[in-house]
Amino acid sequence: MQPNISIVMLSYYHEKYIKKAIESILCQVTDLTYELIIADDCSKDATRKIISDYANRYPDKIKPIYNEINLGITKNLYNAISHCTGKYITFLSGDDFWIDEKKLEKQYQFLEEHKEYVAVTGVVEARLNGKEIISCSPERGMVDKKITLRDYLSGRTFDTHSVMIHNFYNENGGKEYMRNIVKFSPYIDDSTTCILILKKGPAFTMSDHFGVYRVIKGTANAQNYNSKNTTFQKAEKEIELYSNMTKEFDDLDLTQLFARCLSIAALTSLLNLSFSDYRKLYNSLPKKYKNGRTKCAVIGNMIKTGKRVIKLRILSFIKGGY
């Protein structure tokens, strides 16, 4: 029998956090049927043993996938989605957790009752070390509202950490459509996933706080994408993603997405008093985006980003230094 919901969890060196992630799913109060697809991307710590223990205890709910080689986040995500049989799909990273025991019930009922939406999301709290709240996404003025593709491309983004979507993979042509997750970038999945969702139709952002995104102080042996790459390396990968996206979807105006990425690199250049890396990034843009409109958008995003960074630095200093 087809489950109501498939839950995709990607894990990679999450031995410290994955128990809480799994437990936050198992404690959901619902009569809905669900499957938890946990795709571990060749972790060498105790992550796999923890997953195996839970899978043995809940064989009717948990379906583990153990990659024998490291696929990278987008291939791992696509592979996990290909195993989903539920009517709807939702996502939770192995180092994050849900905080609403009715999350599945609320989002499932919303999509059942509002057929005009292809996805529903909610508020995600960014917490230092999983405890102190430092920000929420989306912001207060963006909840209880519809989000279209045009909204997203203009800068009104939402968080994939709490989204529930129709299972597009099982639709006609869905397999190739969802393969764009891998096609556009081996490193970044969020922007691609959001755009692929919104090209299918609008999403709705509920005001409920559904999940927590852990903000963790980096360590010398950290294994995640953010710890392994500098600001400019991440910017290079993000621009490569959007450039590849323009080749497939030439009807999209990605000015704000390019500008958001460039603004962070520009702020870093200002701090370092070195602009050669920024010029290199700007020159890598597709030709049609090298214009005054993009430059103005970069300045606007720099102001917004600067204010946000200052706020986070002040908060982290008060809370003990991050």
C-alpha atoms as a PDB file:
ATOM      1  CA  MET A   1       0.000   0.000   0.000  1.00  0.00           C
ATOM      2  CA  GLN A   2       1.290   3.459  -0.903  1.00  0.00           C
ATOM      3  CA  PRO A   3       2.267   5.454   2.196  1.00  0.00           C
ATOM      4  CA  ASN A   4       0.812   8.910   2.619  1.00  0.00           C
ATOM      5  CA  ILE A   5       4.243  10.510   3.030  1.00  0.00           C
ATOM      6  CA  SER A   6       7.864   9.765   2.223  1.00  0.00           C
ATOM      7  CA  ILE A   7      10.416  11.487   4.472  1.00  0.00           C
ATOM      8  CA  VAL A   8      13.879  11.988   2.978  1.00  0.00           C
ATOM      9  CA  MET A   9      16.803  12.264   5.388  1.00  0.00           C
ATOM     10  CA  LEU A  10      20.350  12.758   4.087  1.00  0.00           C
ATOM     11  CA  SER A  11      23.143  11.890   6.502  1.00  0.00           C
ATOM     12  CA  TYR A  12      26.881  12.470   6.411  1.00  0.00           C
ATOM     13  CA  TYR A  13      29.022  12.333   9.567  1.00  0.00           C
ATOM     14  CA  HIS A  14      25.986  13.011  11.756  1.00  0.00           C
ATOM     15  CA  GLU A  15      26.697  10.673  14.650  1.00  0.00           C
ATOM     16  CA  LYS A  16      26.207  13.471  17.208  1.00  0.00           C
ATOM     17  CA  TYR A  17      22.846  14.587  15.871  1.00  0.00           C
ATOM     18  CA  ILE A  18      21.012  11.901  13.917  1.00  0.00           C
ATOM     19  CA  LYS A  19      19.337  10.272  16.925  1.00  0.00           C
ATOM     20  CA  LYS A  20      17.495  13.513  17.682  1.00  0.00           C
ATOM     21  CA  ALA A  21      16.570  13.901  14.009  1.00  0.00           C
ATOM     22  CA  ILE A  22      15.095  10.395  13.812  1.00  0.00           C
ATOM     23  CA  GLU A  23      13.327  10.672  17.171  1.00  0.00           C
ATOM     24  CA  SER A  24      11.708  13.949  16.110  1.00  0.00           C
ATOM     25  CA  ILE A  25      10.079  11.993  13.272  1.00  0.00           C
ATOM     26  CA  LEU A  26       9.107   8.933  15.296  1.00  0.00           C
ATOM     27  CA  CYS A  27       7.337  11.119  17.878  1.00  0.00           C
ATOM     28  CA  GLN A  28       4.955  12.570  15.279  1.00  0.00           C
ATOM     29  CA  VAL A  29       1.350  12.337  16.427  1.00  0.00           C
ATOM     30  CA  THR A  30      -0.512  11.068  13.373  1.00  0.00           C
ATOM     31  CA  ASP A  31      -2.494   8.191  11.933  1.00  0.00           C
ATOM     32  CA  LEU A  32      -0.901   8.808   8.541  1.00  0.00           C
ATOM     33  CA  THR A  33       1.371   6.160   7.081  1.00  0.00           C
ATOM     34  CA  TYR A  34       4.920   7.210   6.285  1.00  0.00           C
ATOM     35  CA  GLU A  35       8.282   5.835   5.240  1.00  0.00           C
ATOM     36  CA  LEU A  36      11.595   7.321   6.327  1.00  0.00           C
ATOM     37  CA  ILE A  37      14.272   7.047   3.633  1.00  0.00           C
ATOM     38  CA  ILE A  38      17.670   7.629   5.262  1.00  0.00           C
ATOM     39  CA  ALA A  39      20.426   7.957   2.651  1.00  0.00           C
ATOM     40  CA  ASP A  40      23.858   7.909   4.251  1.00  0.00           C
ATOM     41  CA  ASP A  41      26.604   9.181   1.975  1.00  0.00           C
ATOM     42  CA  CYS A  42      29.452   6.897   3.054  1.00  0.00           C
ATOM     43  CA  SER A  43      29.977   8.225   6.582  1.00  0.00           C
ATOM     44  CA  LYS A  44      32.985   6.725   8.372  1.00  0.00           C
ATOM     45  CA  ASP A  45      31.895   7.592  11.907  1.00  0.00           C
ATOM     46  CA  ALA A  46      29.126   5.914  13.937  1.00  0.00           C
ATOM     47  CA  THR A  47      26.300   7.359  11.811  1.00  0.00           C
ATOM     48  CA  ARG A  48      25.604   4.102   9.954  1.00  0.00           C
ATOM     49  CA  LYS A  49      25.471   2.031  13.138  1.00  0.00           C
ATOM     50  CA  ILE A  50      22.917   4.422  14.620  1.00  0.00           C
ATOM     51  CA  ILE A  51      20.809   4.271  11.458  1.00  0.00           C
ATOM     52  CA  SER A  52      21.039   0.474  11.402  1.00  0.00           C
ATOM     53  CA  ASP A  53      19.921   0.223  15.026  1.00  0.00           C
ATOM     54  CA  TYR A  54      16.830   2.317  14.320  1.00  0.00           C
ATOM     55  CA  ALA A  55      16.084   0.475  11.068  1.00  0.00           C
ATOM     56  CA  ASN A  56      16.155  -2.844  12.930  1.00  0.00           C
ATOM     57  CA  ARG A  57      13.788  -1.472  15.576  1.00  0.00           C
ATOM     58  CA  TYR A  58      11.387   0.116  13.053  1.00  0.00           C
ATOM     59  CA  PRO A  59      11.608  -2.013   9.879  1.00  0.00           C
ATOM     60  CA  ASP A  60       8.076  -0.999   8.851  1.00  0.00           C
ATOM     61  CA  LYS A  61       8.994   2.687   8.850  1.00  0.00           C
ATOM     62  CA  ILE A  62      12.725   3.139   8.184  1.00  0.00           C
ATOM     63  CA  LYS A  63      14.390   2.261   4.873  1.00  0.00           C
ATOM     64  CA  PRO A  64      18.150   2.893   4.978  1.00  0.00           C
ATOM     65  CA  ILE A  65      20.341   3.446   1.936  1.00  0.00           C
ATOM     66  CA  TYR A  66      24.073   3.024   2.498  1.00  0.00           C
ATOM     67  CA  ASN A  67      26.204   4.525  -0.273  1.00  0.00           C
ATOM     68  CA  GLU A  68      29.456   2.615  -0.690  1.00  0.00           C
ATOM     69  CA  ILE A  69      31.132   5.668  -2.208  1.00  0.00           C
ATOM     70  CA  ASN A  70      30.520   9.340  -1.478  1.00  0.00           C
ATOM     71  CA  LEU A  71      28.012  10.631  -4.056  1.00  0.00           C
ATOM     72  CA  GLY A  72      27.802  14.244  -2.922  1.00  0.00           C
ATOM     73  CA  ILE A  73      24.648  15.957  -1.741  1.00  0.00           C
ATOM     74  CA  THR A  74      22.714  16.334  -5.004  1.00  0.00           C
ATOM     75  CA  LYS A  75      23.286  12.773  -6.259  1.00  0.00           C
ATOM     76  CA  ASN A  76      22.473  11.451  -2.814  1.00  0.00           C
ATOM     77  CA  LEU A  77      19.274  13.526  -2.730  1.00  0.00           C
ATOM     78  CA  TYR A  78      18.182  12.404  -6.181  1.00  0.00           C
ATOM     79  CA  ASN A  79      18.877   8.782  -5.314  1.00  0.00           C
ATOM     80  CA  ALA A  80      16.848   9.097  -2.105  1.00  0.00           C
ATOM     81  CA  ILE A  81      13.913  10.730  -3.911  1.00  0.00           C
ATOM     82  CA  SER A  82      13.913   7.900  -6.457  1.00  0.00           C
ATOM     83  CA  HIS A  83      13.105   5.496  -3.609  1.00  0.00           C
ATOM     84  CA  CYS A  84      10.118   7.525  -2.385  1.00  0.00           C
ATOM     85  CA  THR A  85       6.733   5.874  -2.912  1.00  0.00           C
ATOM     86  CA  GLY A  86       4.571   8.244  -0.860  1.00  0.00           C
ATOM     87  CA  LYS A  87       1.950  10.612  -2.245  1.00  0.00           C
ATOM     88  CA  TYR A  88       3.911  13.505  -0.738  1.00  0.00           C
ATOM     89  CA  ILE A  89       7.588  14.012   0.121  1.00  0.00           C
ATOM     90  CA  THR A  90       9.115  16.005   2.960  1.00  0.00           C
ATOM     91  CA  PHE A  91      12.730  16.517   4.015  1.00  0.00           C
ATOM     92  CA  LEU A  92      14.872  16.598   7.150  1.00  0.00           C
ATOM     93  CA  SER A  93      18.654  16.682   7.324  1.00  0.00           C
ATOM     94  CA  GLY A  94      20.391  14.252   9.669  1.00  0.00           C
ATOM     95  CA  ASP A  95      21.746  17.105  11.789  1.00  0.00           C
ATOM     96  CA  ASP A  96      18.461  19.027  12.142  1.00  0.00           C
ATOM     97  CA  PHE A  97      15.200  18.161  13.890  1.00  0.00           C
ATOM     98  CA  TRP A  98      11.473  18.883  13.968  1.00  0.00           C
ATOM     99  CA  ILE A  99       9.835  20.675  16.892  1.00  0.00           C
ATOM    100  CA  ASP A 100       6.143  20.258  16.038  1.00  0.00           C
ATOM    101  CA  GLU A 101       4.759  16.777  16.681  1.00  0.00           C
ATOM    102  CA  LYS A 102       1.842  17.536  14.340  1.00  0.00           C
ATOM    103  CA  LYS A 103       3.998  18.687  11.412  1.00  0.00           C
ATOM    104  CA  LEU A 104       3.155  15.772   9.134  1.00  0.00           C
ATOM    105  CA  GLU A 105      -0.544  15.936   9.980  1.00  0.00           C
ATOM    106  CA  LYS A 106      -0.821  19.703   9.435  1.00  0.00           C
ATOM    107  CA  GLN A 107       1.026  19.785   6.120  1.00  0.00           C
ATOM    108  CA  TYR A 108      -0.657  16.680   4.734  1.00  0.00           C
ATOM    109  CA  GLN A 109      -4.120  18.023   5.522  1.00  0.00           C
ATOM    110  CA  PHE A 110      -3.259  21.387   3.989  1.00  0.00           C
ATOM    111  CA  LEU A 111      -2.204  19.831   0.671  1.00  0.00           C
ATOM    112  CA  GLU A 112      -5.242  17.554   0.657  1.00  0.00           C
ATOM    113  CA  GLU A 113      -7.567  20.519   1.162  1.00  0.00           C
ATOM    114  CA  HIS A 114      -5.778  23.016  -1.115  1.00  0.00           C
ATOM    115  CA  LYS A 115      -5.206  21.345  -4.457  1.00  0.00           C
ATOM    116  CA  GLU A 116      -4.052  24.625  -6.002  1.00  0.00           C
ATOM    117  CA  TYR A 117      -0.735  24.347  -4.125  1.00  0.00           C
ATOM    118  CA  VAL A 118       2.068  21.957  -5.042  1.00  0.00           C
ATOM    119  CA  ALA A 119       3.942  22.455  -1.770  1.00  0.00           C
ATOM    120  CA  VAL A 120       3.578  23.779   1.742  1.00  0.00           C
ATOM    121  CA  THR A 121       6.311  24.912   4.074  1.00  0.00           C
ATOM    122  CA  GLY A 122       6.613  26.581   7.466  1.00  0.00           C
ATOM    123  CA  VAL A 123       8.986  28.456   9.728  1.00  0.00           C
ATOM    124  CA  VAL A 124      12.440  27.019  10.446  1.00  0.00           C
ATOM    125  CA  GLU A 125      14.431  28.277  13.424  1.00  0.00           C
ATOM    126  CA  ALA A 126      18.188  28.657  13.050  1.00  0.00           C
ATOM    127  CA  ARG A 127      19.662  27.814  16.446  1.00  0.00           C
ATOM    128  CA  LEU A 128      23.235  28.034  17.668  1.00  0.00           C
ATOM    129  CA  ASN A 129      24.234  24.467  18.520  1.00  0.00           C
ATOM    130  CA  GLY A 130      20.568  23.538  18.277  1.00  0.00           C
ATOM    131  CA  LYS A 131      19.617  25.719  21.286  1.00  0.00           C
ATOM    132  CA  GLU A 132      19.499  29.524  21.127  1.00  0.00           C
ATOM    133  CA  ILE A 133      17.380  30.954  18.296  1.00  0.00           C
ATOM    134  CA  ILE A 134      19.357  33.424  16.166  1.00  0.00           C
ATOM    135  CA  SER A 135      16.956  33.822  13.246  1.00  0.00           C
ATOM    136  CA  CYS A 136      13.846  32.390  11.612  1.00  0.00           C
ATOM    137  CA  SER A 137      13.159  31.641   7.967  1.00  0.00           C
ATOM    138  CA  PRO A 138      11.062  32.949   6.365  1.00  0.00           C
ATOM    139  CA  GLU A 139      10.690  36.254   8.187  1.00  0.00           C
ATOM    140  CA  ARG A 140       7.485  37.183   9.978  1.00  0.00           C
ATOM    141  CA  GLY A 141       6.071  39.236   7.105  1.00  0.00           C
ATOM    142  CA  MET A 142       6.349  36.303   4.688  1.00  0.00           C
ATOM    143  CA  VAL A 143       4.210  33.716   6.512  1.00  0.00           C
ATOM    144  CA  ASP A 144       0.601  32.752   5.860  1.00  0.00           C
ATOM    145  CA  LYS A 145       1.138  33.724   2.234  1.00  0.00           C
ATOM    146  CA  LYS A 146       1.400  32.174  -1.193  1.00  0.00           C
ATOM    147  CA  ILE A 147       4.842  31.997  -2.810  1.00  0.00           C
ATOM    148  CA  THR A 148       5.133  31.850  -6.595  1.00  0.00           C
ATOM    149  CA  LEU A 149       8.172  31.344  -8.791  1.00  0.00           C
ATOM    150  CA  ARG A 150       8.211  35.072  -9.479  1.00  0.00           C
ATOM    151  CA  ASP A 151       8.255  35.764  -5.722  1.00  0.00           C
ATOM    152  CA  TYR A 152      11.184  33.412  -5.212  1.00  0.00           C
ATOM    153  CA  LEU A 153      13.225  34.902  -8.046  1.00  0.00           C
ATOM    154  CA  SER A 154      12.631  38.387  -6.633  1.00  0.00           C
ATOM    155  CA  GLY A 155      14.154  37.363  -3.295  1.00  0.00           C
ATOM    156  CA  ARG A 156      11.200  36.004  -1.316  1.00  0.00           C
ATOM    157  CA  THR A 157      12.719  32.641  -0.539  1.00  0.00           C
ATOM    158  CA  PHE A 158      11.558  29.779   1.663  1.00  0.00           C
ATOM    159  CA  ASP A 159      13.353  27.012   3.501  1.00  0.00           C
ATOM    160  CA  THR A 160      13.492  23.457   2.178  1.00  0.00           C
ATOM    161  CA  HIS A 161      14.086  22.135   5.705  1.00  0.00           C
ATOM    162  CA  SER A 162      10.350  22.015   6.409  1.00  0.00           C
ATOM    163  CA  VAL A 163       8.753  21.817   2.965  1.00  0.00           C
ATOM    164  CA  MET A 164       6.292  19.095   1.909  1.00  0.00           C
ATOM    165  CA  ILE A 165       5.751  18.588  -1.825  1.00  0.00           C
ATOM    166  CA  HIS A 166       3.800  16.427  -4.221  1.00  0.00           C
ATOM    167  CA  ASN A 167       5.829  13.421  -5.313  1.00  0.00           C
ATOM    168  CA  PHE A 168       6.812  14.819  -8.710  1.00  0.00           C
ATOM    169  CA  TYR A 169       9.193  11.913  -9.282  1.00  0.00           C
ATOM    170  CA  ASN A 170       6.266   9.536  -9.771  1.00  0.00           C
ATOM    171  CA  GLU A 171       4.574  11.809 -12.301  1.00  0.00           C
ATOM    172  CA  ASN A 172       4.895  11.410 -16.043  1.00  0.00           C
ATOM    173  CA  GLY A 173       8.356  12.699 -16.964  1.00  0.00           C
ATOM    174  CA  GLY A 174       9.086  13.347 -13.314  1.00  0.00           C
ATOM    175  CA  LYS A 175      12.206  11.197 -13.233  1.00  0.00           C
ATOM    176  CA  GLU A 176      14.028  13.385 -15.772  1.00  0.00           C
ATOM    177  CA  TYR A 177      12.571  16.580 -14.347  1.00  0.00           C
ATOM    178  CA  MET A 178      13.918  15.868 -10.876  1.00  0.00           C
ATOM    179  CA  ARG A 179      17.287  14.807 -12.318  1.00  0.00           C
ATOM    180  CA  ASN A 180      17.953  18.543 -12.783  1.00  0.00           C
ATOM    181  CA  ILE A 181      18.913  18.526  -9.091  1.00  0.00           C
ATOM    182  CA  VAL A 182      22.065  16.652 -10.118  1.00  0.00           C
ATOM    183  CA  LYS A 183      22.429  18.209 -13.548  1.00  0.00           C
ATOM    184  CA  PHE A 184      22.733  21.806 -12.336  1.00  0.00           C
ATOM    185  CA  SER A 185      25.222  21.280  -9.497  1.00  0.00           C
ATOM    186  CA  PRO A 186      26.951  18.471  -7.577  1.00  0.00           C
ATOM    187  CA  TYR A 187      27.125  20.647  -4.456  1.00  0.00           C
ATOM    188  CA  ILE A 188      23.956  22.736  -3.969  1.00  0.00           C
ATOM    189  CA  ASP A 189      20.408  21.437  -3.788  1.00  0.00           C
ATOM    190  CA  ASP A 190      18.280  24.102  -2.049  1.00  0.00           C
ATOM    191  CA  SER A 191      17.867  26.668  -4.844  1.00  0.00           C
ATOM    192  CA  THR A 192      17.330  24.008  -7.484  1.00  0.00           C
ATOM    193  CA  THR A 193      14.736  22.188  -5.393  1.00  0.00           C
ATOM    194  CA  CYS A 194      12.794  25.399  -4.704  1.00  0.00           C
ATOM    195  CA  ILE A 195      12.748  26.428  -8.359  1.00  0.00           C
ATOM    196  CA  LEU A 196      11.761  22.946  -9.566  1.00  0.00           C
ATOM    197  CA  ILE A 197       8.902  22.992  -7.060  1.00  0.00           C
ATOM    198  CA  LEU A 198       7.667  26.471  -7.999  1.00  0.00           C
ATOM    199  CA  LYS A 199       7.818  25.788 -11.746  1.00  0.00           C
ATOM    200  CA  LYS A 200       5.103  23.223 -11.007  1.00  0.00           C
ATOM    201  CA  GLY A 201       2.931  25.716  -9.125  1.00  0.00           C
ATOM    202  CA  PRO A 202       2.714  27.910  -6.019  1.00  0.00           C
ATOM    203  CA  ALA A 203       3.680  26.981  -2.461  1.00  0.00           C
ATOM    204  CA  PHE A 204       2.172  28.214   0.788  1.00  0.00           C
ATOM    205  CA  THR A 205       4.104  29.223   3.905  1.00  0.00           C
ATOM    206  CA  MET A 206       2.367  28.335   7.162  1.00  0.00           C
ATOM    207  CA  SER A 207       3.112  30.335  10.316  1.00  0.00           C
ATOM    208  CA  ASP A 208       3.819  27.190  12.347  1.00  0.00           C
ATOM    209  CA  HIS A 209       7.386  26.655  13.556  1.00  0.00           C
ATOM    210  CA  PHE A 210       8.113  23.166  12.251  1.00  0.00           C
ATOM    211  CA  GLY A 211      11.841  22.612  12.486  1.00  0.00           C
ATOM    212  CA  VAL A 212      15.302  23.606  13.638  1.00  0.00           C
ATOM    213  CA  TYR A 213      18.352  24.209  11.476  1.00  0.00           C
ATOM    214  CA  ARG A 214      21.497  23.723  13.522  1.00  0.00           C
ATOM    215  CA  VAL A 215      24.154  26.413  13.283  1.00  0.00           C
ATOM    216  CA  ILE A 216      27.303  24.690  14.505  1.00  0.00           C
ATOM    217  CA  LYS A 217      30.680  26.233  15.241  1.00  0.00           C
ATOM    218  CA  GLY A 218      33.187  24.939  12.695  1.00  0.00           C
ATOM    219  CA  THR A 219      35.971  22.567  13.753  1.00  0.00           C
ATOM    220  CA  ALA A 220      39.202  21.466  12.138  1.00  0.00           C
ATOM    221  CA  ASN A 221      37.817  18.022  11.311  1.00  0.00           C
ATOM    222  CA  ALA A 222      34.364  19.159  10.149  1.00  0.00           C
ATOM    223  CA  GLN A 223      33.118  17.249   7.125  1.00  0.00           C
ATOM    224  CA  ASN A 224      30.282  19.386   5.783  1.00  0.00           C
ATOM    225  CA  TYR A 225      30.138  21.551   2.689  1.00  0.00           C
ATOM    226  CA  ASN A 226      30.211  24.869   4.556  1.00  0.00           C
ATOM    227  CA  SER A 227      33.302  23.985   6.577  1.00  0.00           C
ATOM    228  CA  LYS A 228      35.252  22.701   3.577  1.00  0.00           C
ATOM    229  CA  ASN A 229      34.744  25.706   1.308  1.00  0.00           C
ATOM    230  CA  THR A 230      35.644  29.377   1.602  1.00  0.00           C
ATOM    231  CA  THR A 231      33.121  32.125   0.903  1.00  0.00           C
ATOM    232  CA  PHE A 232      34.466  32.564  -2.618  1.00  0.00           C
ATOM    233  CA  GLN A 233      34.550  28.842  -3.329  1.00  0.00           C
ATOM    234  CA  LYS A 234      30.892  28.576  -2.320  1.00  0.00           C
ATOM    235  CA  ALA A 235      30.077  31.632  -4.437  1.00  0.00           C
ATOM    236  CA  GLU A 236      31.810  30.069  -7.447  1.00  0.00           C
ATOM    237  CA  LYS A 237      29.742  26.906  -7.058  1.00  0.00           C
ATOM    238  CA  GLU A 238      26.519  28.873  -6.647  1.00  0.00           C
ATOM    239  CA  ILE A 239      27.159  30.969  -9.754  1.00  0.00           C
ATOM    240  CA  GLU A 240      27.959  27.794 -11.671  1.00  0.00           C
ATOM    241  CA  LEU A 241      24.598  26.399 -10.531  1.00  0.00           C
ATOM    242  CA  TYR A 242      22.636  29.442 -11.723  1.00  0.00           C
ATOM    243  CA  SER A 243      24.579  29.586 -14.977  1.00  0.00           C
ATOM    244  CA  ASN A 244      23.686  25.962 -15.689  1.00  0.00           C
ATOM    245  CA  MET A 245      20.081  26.706 -14.784  1.00  0.00           C
ATOM    246  CA  THR A 246      19.881  29.509 -17.376  1.00  0.00           C
ATOM    247  CA  LYS A 247      20.818  27.001 -20.092  1.00  0.00           C
ATOM    248  CA  GLU A 248      17.869  24.770 -19.196  1.00  0.00           C
ATOM    249  CA  PHE A 249      15.358  27.448 -18.180  1.00  0.00           C
ATOM    250  CA  ASP A 250      16.193  30.489 -20.327  1.00  0.00           C
ATOM    251  CA  ASP A 251      12.808  32.032 -19.489  1.00  0.00           C
ATOM    252  CA  LEU A 252      13.842  32.653 -15.869  1.00  0.00           C
ATOM    253  CA  ASP A 253      15.228  35.991 -14.694  1.00  0.00           C
ATOM    254  CA  LEU A 254      17.918  35.002 -12.177  1.00  0.00           C
ATOM    255  CA  THR A 255      19.247  38.524 -11.564  1.00  0.00           C
ATOM    256  CA  GLN A 256      18.402  38.531  -7.861  1.00  0.00           C
ATOM    257  CA  LEU A 257      19.884  35.073  -7.299  1.00  0.00           C
ATOM    258  CA  PHE A 258      23.155  36.066  -8.952  1.00  0.00           C
ATOM    259  CA  ALA A 259      23.120  39.348  -7.008  1.00  0.00           C
ATOM    260  CA  ARG A 260      22.509  37.643  -3.678  1.00  0.00           C
ATOM    261  CA  CYS A 261      25.515  35.410  -4.272  1.00  0.00           C
ATOM    262  CA  LEU A 262      27.744  38.243  -5.505  1.00  0.00           C
ATOM    263  CA  SER A 263      26.813  40.508  -2.592  1.00  0.00           C
ATOM    264  CA  ILE A 264      28.265  38.097  -0.033  1.00  0.00           C
ATOM    265  CA  ALA A 265      31.457  37.841  -2.085  1.00  0.00           C
ATOM    266  CA  ALA A 266      31.587  41.640  -2.401  1.00  0.00           C
ATOM    267  CA  LEU A 267      31.264  42.118   1.361  1.00  0.00           C
ATOM    268  CA  THR A 268      34.062  39.616   1.892  1.00  0.00           C
ATOM    269  CA  SER A 269      36.205  41.511  -0.611  1.00  0.00           C
ATOM    270  CA  LEU A 270      35.592  44.746   1.285  1.00  0.00           C
ATOM    271  CA  LEU A 271      36.654  43.149   4.543  1.00  0.00           C
ATOM    272  CA  ASN A 272      39.795  41.700   2.950  1.00  0.00           C
ATOM    273  CA  LEU A 273      40.494  44.803   0.839  1.00  0.00           C
ATOM    274  CA  SER A 274      41.022  42.513  -2.146  1.00  0.00           C
ATOM    275  CA  PHE A 275      38.721  42.660  -5.178  1.00  0.00           C
ATOM    276  CA  SER A 276      40.416  40.320  -7.658  1.00  0.00           C
ATOM    277  CA  ASP A 277      38.324  37.314  -6.569  1.00  0.00           C
ATOM    278  CA  TYR A 278      35.138  39.349  -6.833  1.00  0.00           C
ATOM    279  CA  ARG A 279      36.003  40.538 -10.355  1.00  0.00           C
ATOM    280  CA  LYS A 280      36.648  36.928 -11.325  1.00  0.00           C
ATOM    281  CA  LEU A 281      33.210  35.939 -10.037  1.00  0.00           C
ATOM    282  CA  TYR A 282      31.476  38.795 -11.819  1.00  0.00           C
ATOM    283  CA  ASN A 283      33.248  37.956 -15.085  1.00  0.00           C
ATOM    284  CA  SER A 284      32.008  34.356 -14.823  1.00  0.00           C
ATOM    285  CA  LEU A 285      28.371  35.494 -15.106  1.00  0.00           C
ATOM    286  CA  PRO A 286      26.444  34.685 -18.274  1.00  0.00           C
ATOM    287  CA  LYS A 287      26.772  37.611 -20.688  1.00  0.00           C
ATOM    288  CA  LYS A 288      23.182  38.822 -20.350  1.00  0.00           C
ATOM    289  CA  TYR A 289      23.613  39.312 -16.585  1.00  0.00           C
ATOM    290  CA  LYS A 290      26.698  41.549 -16.829  1.00  0.00           C
ATOM    291  CA  ASN A 291      24.778  44.807 -16.686  1.00  0.00           C
ATOM    292  CA  GLY A 292      23.807  47.749 -14.514  1.00  0.00           C
ATOM    293  CA  ARG A 293      20.683  46.021 -13.252  1.00  0.00           C
ATOM    294  CA  THR A 294      22.721  43.221 -11.719  1.00  0.00           C
ATOM    295  CA  LYS A 295      25.189  45.708 -10.193  1.00  0.00           C
ATOM    296  CA  CYS A 296      22.356  47.673  -8.570  1.00  0.00           C
ATOM    297  CA  ALA A 297      20.870  44.452  -7.234  1.00  0.00           C
ATOM    298  CA  VAL A 298      24.259  43.520  -5.752  1.00  0.00           C
ATOM    299  CA  ILE A 299      24.421  46.824  -3.858  1.00  0.00           C
ATOM    300  CA  GLY A 300      20.890  46.341  -2.526  1.00  0.00           C
ATOM    301  CA  ASN A 301      21.689  42.832  -1.367  1.00  0.00           C
ATOM    302  CA  MET A 302      24.957  43.978   0.210  1.00  0.00           C
ATOM    303  CA  ILE A 303      23.020  46.388   2.429  1.00  0.00           C
ATOM    304  CA  LYS A 304      20.533  43.687   3.480  1.00  0.00           C
ATOM    305  CA  THR A 305      23.249  41.079   4.027  1.00  0.00           C
ATOM    306  CA  GLY A 306      25.463  43.504   5.936  1.00  0.00           C
ATOM    307  CA  LYS A 307      22.676  44.299   8.387  1.00  0.00           C
ATOM    308  CA  ARG A 308      21.958  40.596   8.893  1.00  0.00           C
ATOM    309  CA  VAL A 309      25.632  39.703   9.426  1.00  0.00           C
ATOM    310  CA  ILE A 310      26.075  42.492  11.989  1.00  0.00           C
ATOM    311  CA  LYS A 311      22.983  41.296  13.861  1.00  0.00           C
ATOM    312  CA  LEU A 312      24.222  37.684  13.920  1.00  0.00           C
ATOM    313  CA  ARG A 313      27.716  38.713  15.034  1.00  0.00           C
ATOM    314  CA  ILE A 314      26.266  40.731  17.916  1.00  0.00           C
ATOM    315  CA  LEU A 315      24.003  37.855  18.954  1.00  0.00           C
ATOM    316  CA  SER A 316      26.779  35.285  18.740  1.00  0.00           C
ATOM    317  CA  PHE A 317      29.114  37.526  20.770  1.00  0.00           C
ATOM    318  CA  ILE A 318      26.480  37.920  23.483  1.00  0.00           C
ATOM    319  CA  LYS A 319      25.909  34.156  23.496  1.00  0.00           C
ATOM    320  CA  GLY A 320      29.569  33.276  23.948  1.00  0.00           C
ATOM    321  CA  GLY A 321      31.256  33.748  20.576  1.00  0.00           C
ATOM    322  CA  TYR A 322      30.494  31.945  17.341  1.00  0.00           C
END
